[in-house]
């Protein structure tokens, strides 16, 4: 993280509702185990994304999928979060070579942190790594595509590619180190407030947080629109209808077959939906499927009984774009379902999450009690 930008850097509650919506030890990781996790919590490989080197993208995807092994309580990590950080820190190692094993040359180094004022650095930081990673045995420099200070990387860094080294100049090690740092002791990064806190911890600047969140939104959209191009017919109609509602506010009881609507009173958090216009989770699914001529029941628990049920035990890989995805306290009991979204692919869903948020793309892992899906189309 860039201490030379601003010194001091680096230093879900589920809503149950009547509408049926809810809202420093260094560890060695086996490379085969890590790579086998691509396509699980962090989302399936998305191919190419404009502006991101494919090898860097692979590192982000693998790290998002594997971080749960290091921080088991972490929720909601996905590759666009890591990509948003790396876009600001190094523009995805642009101008540097990224080898097949993830090693980046020449090394990416920030200014010497000697208090000279370069890059906003007005306080000197004495060397902590004897120049091992930053090439300076007197002062510190931020290192690698995620611009870690060496002292911080020693706490967060992991041998993600199984080569026996822990190196901030390796794309895989750096990406997993960043994922570990952002997760902290177990944040839910699917929650916007916690995501903001994580990014702020990375760099204590509100402007930095806004920049990173903007790039995360762009990469989320890139992944979801990529999936949209792969589907046709009624599935495409449903996904396009849901994605077009991004930015609409969550409203308790809101949403109908014709679009956003006023809701009802009141959510567990006290939101009076009758004063607002938008969607709750099942209102969004109701609307999107109606655009393809499919009539769904109004609430998430009843929607779970429509179509072919996909049990949670089958895993996320059993889902296809256009499937409904559910969350509940007892995965096999439909009456316990409290939330529903629409699966987009890449481990993501279009989601009206809870009061205070807007319709958006979220990872399936944003909520902890995944209860499977239903194939309606």
Protein backbone atom coordinates (compact mmCIF):
# COMPACT_ATOMS: atom_id res chain seq x y z
CA UNK A 1 0.00 0.00 0.00
CA UNK A 2 1.28 3.42 -0.78
CA UNK A 3 2.54 4.99 2.41
CA UNK A 4 4.03 7.66 0.20
CA UNK A 5 0.52 8.71 -0.85
CA UNK A 6 -0.68 9.29 2.66
CA UNK A 7 1.22 8.31 5.78
CA UNK A 8 -0.74 6.07 8.07
CA UNK A 9 -1.72 3.64 5.34
CA UNK A 10 -1.48 0.01 6.25
CA UNK A 11 -0.86 0.77 9.76
CA UNK A 12 -23.97 -9.76 7.75
CA UNK A 13 -26.30 -9.27 9.86
CA UNK A 14 -29.06 -11.00 7.87
CA UNK A 15 -32.40 -9.27 7.75
CA UNK A 16 -35.38 -11.57 8.11
CA UNK A 17 -38.41 -10.02 6.50
CA UNK A 18 -42.00 -10.76 5.85
CA UNK A 19 -41.39 -10.24 2.14
CA UNK A 20 -38.90 -13.10 2.22
CA UNK A 21 -35.80 -10.96 1.53
CA UNK A 22 -32.69 -10.26 3.46
CA UNK A 23 -30.99 -8.43 3.05
CA UNK A 24 1.15 -12.55 10.90
CA UNK A 25 2.33 -15.93 10.32
CA UNK A 26 3.43 -16.71 6.77
CA UNK A 27 1.56 -19.70 5.44
CA UNK A 28 2.58 -22.05 2.62
CA UNK A 29 -0.25 -22.92 0.25
CA UNK A 30 -0.18 -25.81 -2.16
CA UNK A 31 -0.39 -24.50 -5.71
CA UNK A 32 -2.55 -27.32 -6.99
CA UNK A 33 -4.98 -26.80 -4.11
CA UNK A 34 -5.17 -23.07 -4.75
CA UNK A 35 -5.68 -23.38 -8.49
CA UNK A 36 -8.36 -26.00 -8.01
CA UNK A 37 -10.35 -23.41 -6.09
CA UNK A 38 -10.70 -21.11 -9.08
CA UNK A 39 -14.38 -20.96 -9.91
CA UNK A 40 -15.57 -21.45 -6.35
CA UNK A 41 -15.95 -18.55 -3.90
CA UNK A 42 -14.08 -16.11 -6.09
CA UNK A 43 -16.01 -16.83 -9.26
CA UNK A 44 -15.24 -18.83 -12.38
CA UNK A 45 -12.46 -17.63 -14.68
CA UNK A 46 -13.87 -14.84 -16.80
CA UNK A 47 -11.43 -15.03 -19.74
CA UNK A 48 -10.17 -11.61 -20.75
CA UNK A 49 -11.07 -8.20 -19.36
CA UNK A 50 -10.07 -5.05 -21.21
CA UNK A 51 -7.12 -3.31 -19.59
CA UNK A 52 -6.03 -6.26 -17.43
CA UNK A 53 -3.19 -8.57 -18.38
CA UNK A 54 -4.59 -12.12 -18.53
CA UNK A 55 -1.93 -13.45 -16.15
CA UNK A 56 -2.72 -10.72 -13.62
CA UNK A 57 -6.44 -11.49 -13.93
CA UNK A 58 -5.70 -15.14 -13.25
CA UNK A 59 -3.87 -14.12 -10.07
CA UNK A 60 -6.84 -12.06 -8.89
CA UNK A 61 -9.29 -14.91 -9.57
CA UNK A 62 -7.16 -17.49 -7.80
CA UNK A 63 -6.60 -15.28 -4.77
CA UNK A 64 -10.31 -14.49 -4.44
CA UNK A 65 -11.09 -18.21 -4.48
CA UNK A 66 -8.31 -19.24 -2.08
CA UNK A 67 -8.46 -16.55 0.62
CA UNK A 68 -11.07 -18.52 2.56
CA UNK A 69 -8.40 -21.08 3.38
CA UNK A 70 -6.32 -18.38 5.07
CA UNK A 71 -9.12 -16.27 6.58
CA UNK A 72 -12.01 -18.72 7.03
CA UNK A 73 -14.42 -16.06 8.28
CA UNK A 74 -13.89 -13.81 5.25
CA UNK A 75 -16.99 -13.37 3.07
CA UNK A 76 -17.64 -11.75 -0.26
CA UNK A 77 -14.12 -11.59 -1.71
CA UNK A 78 -14.19 -11.50 -5.51
CA UNK A 79 -11.65 -10.72 -8.19
CA UNK A 80 -13.00 -7.21 -9.05
CA UNK A 81 -12.08 -6.06 -5.51
CA UNK A 82 -8.46 -7.07 -6.02
CA UNK A 83 -8.50 -5.67 -9.54
CA UNK A 84 -9.80 -2.33 -8.24
CA UNK A 85 -6.88 -2.07 -5.81
CA UNK A 86 -4.28 -3.16 -8.37
CA UNK A 87 -5.66 -0.74 -10.97
CA UNK A 88 -4.89 2.21 -8.71
CA UNK A 89 -1.62 0.86 -7.31
CA UNK A 90 0.13 -0.27 -10.50
CA UNK A 91 -2.38 -0.28 -13.38
CA UNK A 92 -2.18 -4.08 -13.27
CA UNK A 93 1.62 -4.08 -13.63
CA UNK A 94 1.26 -2.26 -16.93
CA UNK A 95 4.59 -1.84 -18.71
CA UNK A 96 6.10 -4.81 -16.89
CA UNK A 97 6.50 -8.43 -17.93
CA UNK A 98 4.42 -10.99 -16.05
CA UNK A 99 5.92 -14.46 -16.46
CA UNK A 100 3.94 -17.69 -16.55
CA UNK A 101 4.84 -18.33 -12.89
CA UNK A 102 3.62 -14.84 -11.93
CA UNK A 103 7.02 -13.18 -11.46
CA UNK A 104 6.96 -9.51 -12.50
CA UNK A 105 9.98 -7.81 -14.08
CA UNK A 106 11.29 -5.25 -13.74
CA UNK A 107 10.17 -4.88 -10.15
CA UNK A 108 7.53 -2.25 -9.37
CA UNK A 109 8.94 0.13 -6.74
CA UNK A 110 7.43 3.23 -5.17
CA UNK A 111 9.45 6.33 -4.25
CA UNK A 112 12.08 6.11 -1.52
CA UNK A 113 10.30 6.93 1.74
CA UNK A 114 12.92 9.32 3.06
CA UNK A 115 10.63 12.24 3.89
CA UNK A 116 11.62 14.17 0.77
CA UNK A 117 8.03 15.03 -0.14
CA UNK A 118 8.00 12.98 -3.35
CA UNK A 119 4.55 11.49 -3.84
CA UNK A 120 3.25 13.21 -0.70
CA UNK A 121 5.74 11.42 1.57
CA UNK A 122 6.86 13.84 4.31
CA UNK A 123 7.90 11.29 6.94
CA UNK A 124 10.83 8.93 6.59
CA UNK A 125 10.43 5.17 7.01
CA UNK A 126 13.52 3.26 8.00
CA UNK A 127 14.35 0.04 6.16
CA UNK A 128 12.82 -3.17 7.55
CA UNK A 129 13.85 -5.78 4.97
CA UNK A 130 17.56 -5.03 4.51
CA UNK A 131 16.72 -4.19 0.91
CA UNK A 132 15.49 -7.71 0.17
CA UNK A 133 12.33 -6.62 -1.67
CA UNK A 134 12.79 -2.90 -2.23
CA UNK A 135 16.52 -2.73 -3.02
CA UNK A 136 17.10 -0.08 -0.34
CA UNK A 137 18.84 -0.92 2.93
CA UNK A 138 18.32 2.55 4.41
CA UNK A 139 14.69 3.48 3.70
CA UNK A 140 11.48 1.65 2.80
CA UNK A 141 9.82 1.61 -0.62
CA UNK A 142 6.41 0.23 -1.56
CA UNK A 143 6.81 -2.93 -3.62
CA UNK A 144 4.98 -5.00 -6.23
CA UNK A 145 1.69 -4.62 -8.12
CA UNK A 146 -0.21 -4.05 -4.87
CA UNK A 147 2.42 -1.66 -3.47
CA UNK A 148 2.95 -3.26 -0.09
CA UNK A 149 5.39 -1.88 2.43
CA UNK A 150 7.84 -4.73 3.14
CA UNK A 151 6.90 -4.77 6.83
CA UNK A 152 3.22 -5.21 5.95
CA UNK A 153 3.84 -7.88 3.35
CA UNK A 154 5.68 -9.98 5.92
CA UNK A 155 2.39 -10.21 7.82
CA UNK A 156 -0.01 -10.67 4.92
CA UNK A 157 2.12 -12.31 2.24
CA UNK A 158 1.52 -15.93 1.25
CA UNK A 159 3.22 -18.40 -1.07
CA UNK A 160 0.20 -18.64 -3.34
CA UNK A 161 1.81 -20.48 -6.27
CA UNK A 162 3.61 -23.11 -4.22
CA UNK A 163 7.13 -22.33 -5.42
CA UNK A 164 8.56 -22.12 -1.90
CA UNK A 165 9.01 -18.34 -2.04
CA UNK A 166 6.93 -15.50 -0.64
CA UNK A 167 7.49 -12.58 -2.97
CA UNK A 168 5.58 -9.27 -3.34
CA UNK A 169 6.93 -9.13 -6.90
CA UNK A 170 5.01 -12.30 -7.80
CA UNK A 171 1.46 -11.71 -9.03
CA UNK A 172 -0.02 -14.71 -7.20
CA UNK A 173 1.71 -14.07 -3.87
CA UNK A 174 0.90 -10.35 -4.00
CA UNK A 175 -2.76 -10.87 -4.92
CA UNK A 176 -3.35 -13.38 -2.14
CA UNK A 177 -1.49 -11.12 0.29
CA UNK A 178 -3.79 -8.25 -0.66
CA UNK A 179 -6.85 -10.48 -0.26
CA UNK A 180 -5.67 -11.54 3.21
CA UNK A 181 -5.07 -7.92 4.22
CA UNK A 182 -8.47 -6.75 2.97
CA UNK A 183 -10.26 -9.61 4.72
CA UNK A 184 -8.71 -8.70 8.06
CA UNK A 185 -9.93 -11.08 10.73
CA UNK A 186 -13.09 -11.91 8.79
CA UNK A 187 -14.83 -9.03 7.01
CA UNK A 188 -17.86 -9.51 4.79
CA UNK A 189 -16.73 -7.69 1.65
CA UNK A 190 -20.15 -8.21 0.11
CA UNK A 191 -21.33 -5.57 2.58
CA UNK A 192 -20.59 -2.14 1.14
CA UNK A 193 -19.79 -0.54 4.49
CA UNK A 194 -17.27 -3.27 5.35
CA UNK A 195 -15.79 -3.11 1.86
CA UNK A 196 -15.24 0.64 2.28
CA UNK A 197 -13.54 0.05 5.65
CA UNK A 198 -11.26 -2.55 4.08
CA UNK A 199 -10.21 -0.26 1.24
CA UNK A 200 -9.74 2.63 3.67
CA UNK A 201 -7.47 0.41 5.79
CA UNK A 202 -5.41 -0.18 2.65
CA UNK A 203 -4.97 3.57 2.14
CA UNK A 204 -6.32 6.12 4.58
CA UNK A 205 -7.87 8.39 1.97
CA UNK A 206 -11.53 8.93 1.14
CA UNK A 207 -10.55 9.86 -2.41
CA UNK A 208 -8.65 6.58 -2.73
CA UNK A 209 -11.66 4.63 -1.50
CA UNK A 210 -13.90 6.34 -4.06
CA UNK A 211 -11.44 5.61 -6.87
CA UNK A 212 -11.11 1.94 -5.96
CA UNK A 213 -14.87 1.44 -5.55
CA UNK A 214 -15.43 3.02 -8.95
CA UNK A 215 -13.08 0.50 -10.56
CA UNK A 216 -14.66 -2.39 -8.65
CA UNK A 217 -18.04 -1.39 -10.07
CA UNK A 218 -16.58 -1.30 -13.58
CA UNK A 219 -15.02 -4.73 -13.24
CA UNK A 220 -18.20 -6.16 -11.72
CA UNK A 221 -20.10 -4.86 -14.74
CA UNK A 222 -17.46 -6.22 -17.14
CA UNK A 223 -17.82 -9.69 -15.67
CA UNK A 224 -21.62 -9.68 -15.72
CA UNK A 225 -21.91 -8.24 -19.21
CA UNK A 226 -19.45 -10.86 -20.41
CA UNK A 227 -21.87 -13.54 -19.23
CA UNK A 228 -24.81 -11.77 -20.86
CA UNK A 229 -23.11 -12.16 -24.22
CA UNK A 230 -23.01 -15.95 -23.77
CA UNK A 231 -26.75 -16.49 -23.25
CA UNK A 232 -29.76 -16.22 -25.53
CA UNK A 233 -33.53 -16.38 -25.47
CA UNK A 234 -35.52 -16.04 -22.27
CA UNK A 235 -32.40 -16.30 -20.08
CA UNK A 236 -30.88 -13.31 -21.81
CA UNK A 237 -34.16 -11.40 -21.45
CA UNK A 238 -34.28 -12.05 -17.71
CA UNK A 239 -30.63 -11.15 -17.08
CA UNK A 240 -30.80 -8.01 -19.22
CA UNK A 241 -33.96 -6.87 -17.40
CA UNK A 242 -32.37 -7.40 -13.99
CA UNK A 243 -29.03 -5.80 -14.91
CA UNK A 244 -30.86 -2.76 -16.27
CA UNK A 245 -32.14 -2.10 -12.74
CA UNK A 246 -28.67 -1.63 -11.25
CA UNK A 247 -28.70 1.50 -9.09
CA UNK A 248 -32.38 1.23 -8.16
CA UNK A 249 -32.73 1.49 -4.37
CA UNK A 250 -33.64 -1.46 -2.18
CA UNK A 251 -37.19 -0.87 -0.94
CA UNK A 252 -38.90 -3.15 1.55
CA UNK A 253 -41.81 -4.74 -0.32
CA UNK A 254 -40.98 -2.87 -3.53
CA UNK A 255 -41.14 -4.11 -7.08
CA UNK A 256 -43.83 -5.51 -9.36
CA UNK A 257 -44.10 -7.14 -12.77
CA UNK A 258 -43.97 -3.69 -14.34
CA UNK A 259 -40.91 -2.32 -12.53
CA UNK A 260 -39.89 -0.54 -9.33
CA UNK A 261 -42.75 0.41 -7.03
CA UNK A 262 -43.49 1.78 -3.60
CA UNK A 263 -43.09 -0.80 -0.88
CA UNK A 264 -44.55 -1.36 2.56
CA UNK A 265 -43.70 -0.79 6.20
CA UNK A 266 -41.50 -1.81 7.85
CA UNK A 267 -38.23 -3.73 7.58
CA UNK A 268 -36.39 -5.07 10.68
CA UNK A 269 -34.03 -2.12 10.32
CA UNK A 270 -36.99 0.26 10.32
CA UNK A 271 -37.19 1.18 6.63
CA UNK A 272 -40.67 2.37 5.66
CA UNK A 273 -40.88 1.14 2.08
CA UNK A 274 -44.16 2.97 1.53
CA UNK A 275 -42.18 6.20 1.28
CA UNK A 276 -39.76 4.92 -1.40
CA UNK A 277 -39.74 3.43 -4.89
CA UNK A 278 -37.53 0.48 -5.82
CA UNK A 279 -37.15 -3.29 -5.39
CA UNK A 280 -36.72 -5.79 -2.65
CA UNK A 281 -35.05 -9.11 -3.52
CA UNK A 282 -38.12 -11.04 -4.62
CA UNK A 283 -39.62 -7.94 -6.25
CA UNK A 284 -36.58 -7.78 -8.52
CA UNK A 285 -36.84 -11.44 -9.50
CA UNK A 286 -40.60 -11.07 -10.01
CA UNK A 287 -40.01 -8.18 -12.41
CA UNK A 288 -37.10 -9.70 -14.36
CA UNK A 289 -38.85 -13.00 -15.04
CA UNK A 290 -42.07 -11.22 -15.98
CA UNK A 291 -40.19 -9.58 -18.86
CA UNK A 292 -39.71 -13.09 -20.30
CA UNK A 293 -43.37 -13.97 -19.76
CA UNK A 294 -42.71 -16.05 -16.62
CA UNK A 295 -44.93 -15.42 -13.61
CA UNK A 296 -43.28 -15.96 -10.23
CA UNK A 297 -44.85 -15.89 -6.75
CA UNK A 298 -44.14 -12.71 -4.79
CA UNK A 299 -41.95 -13.94 -1.94
CA UNK A 300 -38.56 -15.68 -1.91
CA UNK A 301 -39.68 -18.68 0.14
CA UNK A 302 -42.48 -19.49 -2.31
CA UNK A 303 -40.26 -18.80 -5.34
CA UNK A 304 -37.99 -21.57 -4.00
CA UNK A 305 -40.74 -24.06 -4.88
CA UNK A 306 -40.88 -23.09 -8.56
CA UNK A 307 -39.05 -24.98 -11.29
CA UNK A 308 -36.34 -27.60 -10.66
CA UNK A 309 -34.68 -27.24 -7.26
CA UNK A 310 -30.86 -27.25 -7.21
CA UNK A 311 -29.72 -28.33 -3.74
CA UNK A 312 -27.03 -26.40 -1.92
CA UNK A 313 -25.05 -29.63 -1.63
CA UNK A 314 -24.50 -29.53 -5.41
CA UNK A 315 -22.41 -26.38 -5.04
CA UNK A 316 -22.34 -23.18 -7.05
CA UNK A 317 -20.95 -24.99 -10.09
CA UNK A 318 -24.35 -26.63 -10.57
CA UNK A 319 -25.90 -23.23 -11.30
CA UNK A 320 -26.44 -21.76 -14.75
CA UNK A 321 -27.07 -18.11 -15.69
CA UNK A 322 -30.70 -17.26 -15.10
CA UNK A 323 -31.18 -19.60 -12.14
CA UNK A 324 -32.70 -18.25 -8.95
CA UNK A 325 -30.34 -18.46 -5.95
CA UNK A 326 -31.61 -18.69 -2.40
CA UNK A 327 -30.44 -18.11 1.15
CA UNK A 328 -32.07 -19.65 4.20
CA UNK A 329 -31.51 -20.90 7.71
CA UNK A 330 -32.28 -24.52 6.75
CA UNK A 331 -31.11 -25.11 3.16
CA UNK A 332 -33.54 -27.97 2.53
CA UNK A 333 -36.60 -26.22 3.99
CA UNK A 334 -38.17 -23.67 1.63
CA UNK A 335 -40.10 -21.96 4.42
CA UNK A 336 -36.76 -20.88 5.93
CA UNK A 337 -35.69 -19.02 2.75
CA UNK A 338 -35.25 -15.30 3.43
CA UNK A 339 -33.43 -14.04 0.32
CA UNK A 340 -33.26 -14.58 -3.44
CA UNK A 341 -31.09 -13.33 -6.31
CA UNK A 342 -30.54 -14.19 -9.98
CA UNK A 343 -27.39 -16.05 -10.97
CA UNK A 344 -25.24 -14.32 -13.59
CA UNK A 345 -22.35 -16.78 -13.81
CA UNK A 346 -18.78 -16.20 -12.65
CA UNK A 347 -19.92 -16.82 -9.07
CA UNK A 348 -22.03 -13.65 -9.15
CA UNK A 349 -25.68 -12.70 -8.86
CA UNK A 350 -27.77 -9.63 -9.53
CA UNK A 351 -29.06 -8.70 -6.11
CA UNK A 352 -31.33 -6.33 -4.21
CA UNK A 353 -29.52 -6.87 -0.94
CA UNK A 354 -31.10 -4.93 1.93
CA UNK A 355 -32.25 -1.45 3.02
CA UNK A 356 -29.64 1.20 2.40
CA UNK A 357 -28.23 -0.48 -0.72
CA UNK A 358 -29.07 -0.44 -4.42
CA UNK A 359 -29.56 -3.20 -6.95
CA UNK A 360 -26.06 -4.42 -7.80
CA UNK A 361 -23.87 -7.37 -8.74
CA UNK A 362 -22.71 -9.35 -5.69
CA UNK A 363 -20.76 -12.59 -5.23
CA UNK A 364 -22.77 -15.65 -4.28
CA UNK A 365 -20.62 -15.77 -1.14
CA UNK A 366 -21.86 -12.35 0.02
CA UNK A 367 -24.30 -14.13 2.35
CA UNK A 368 -23.23 -17.09 4.47
CA UNK A 369 -26.31 -19.35 4.28
CA UNK A 370 -26.51 -20.35 0.62
CA UNK A 371 -29.51 -22.65 0.19
CA UNK A 372 -29.17 -23.69 -3.44
CA UNK A 373 -31.10 -22.53 -6.46
CA UNK A 374 -34.01 -23.20 -8.77
CA UNK A 375 -34.01 -23.54 -12.57
CA UNK A 376 -37.15 -21.90 -13.87
CA UNK A 377 -36.12 -21.32 -17.50
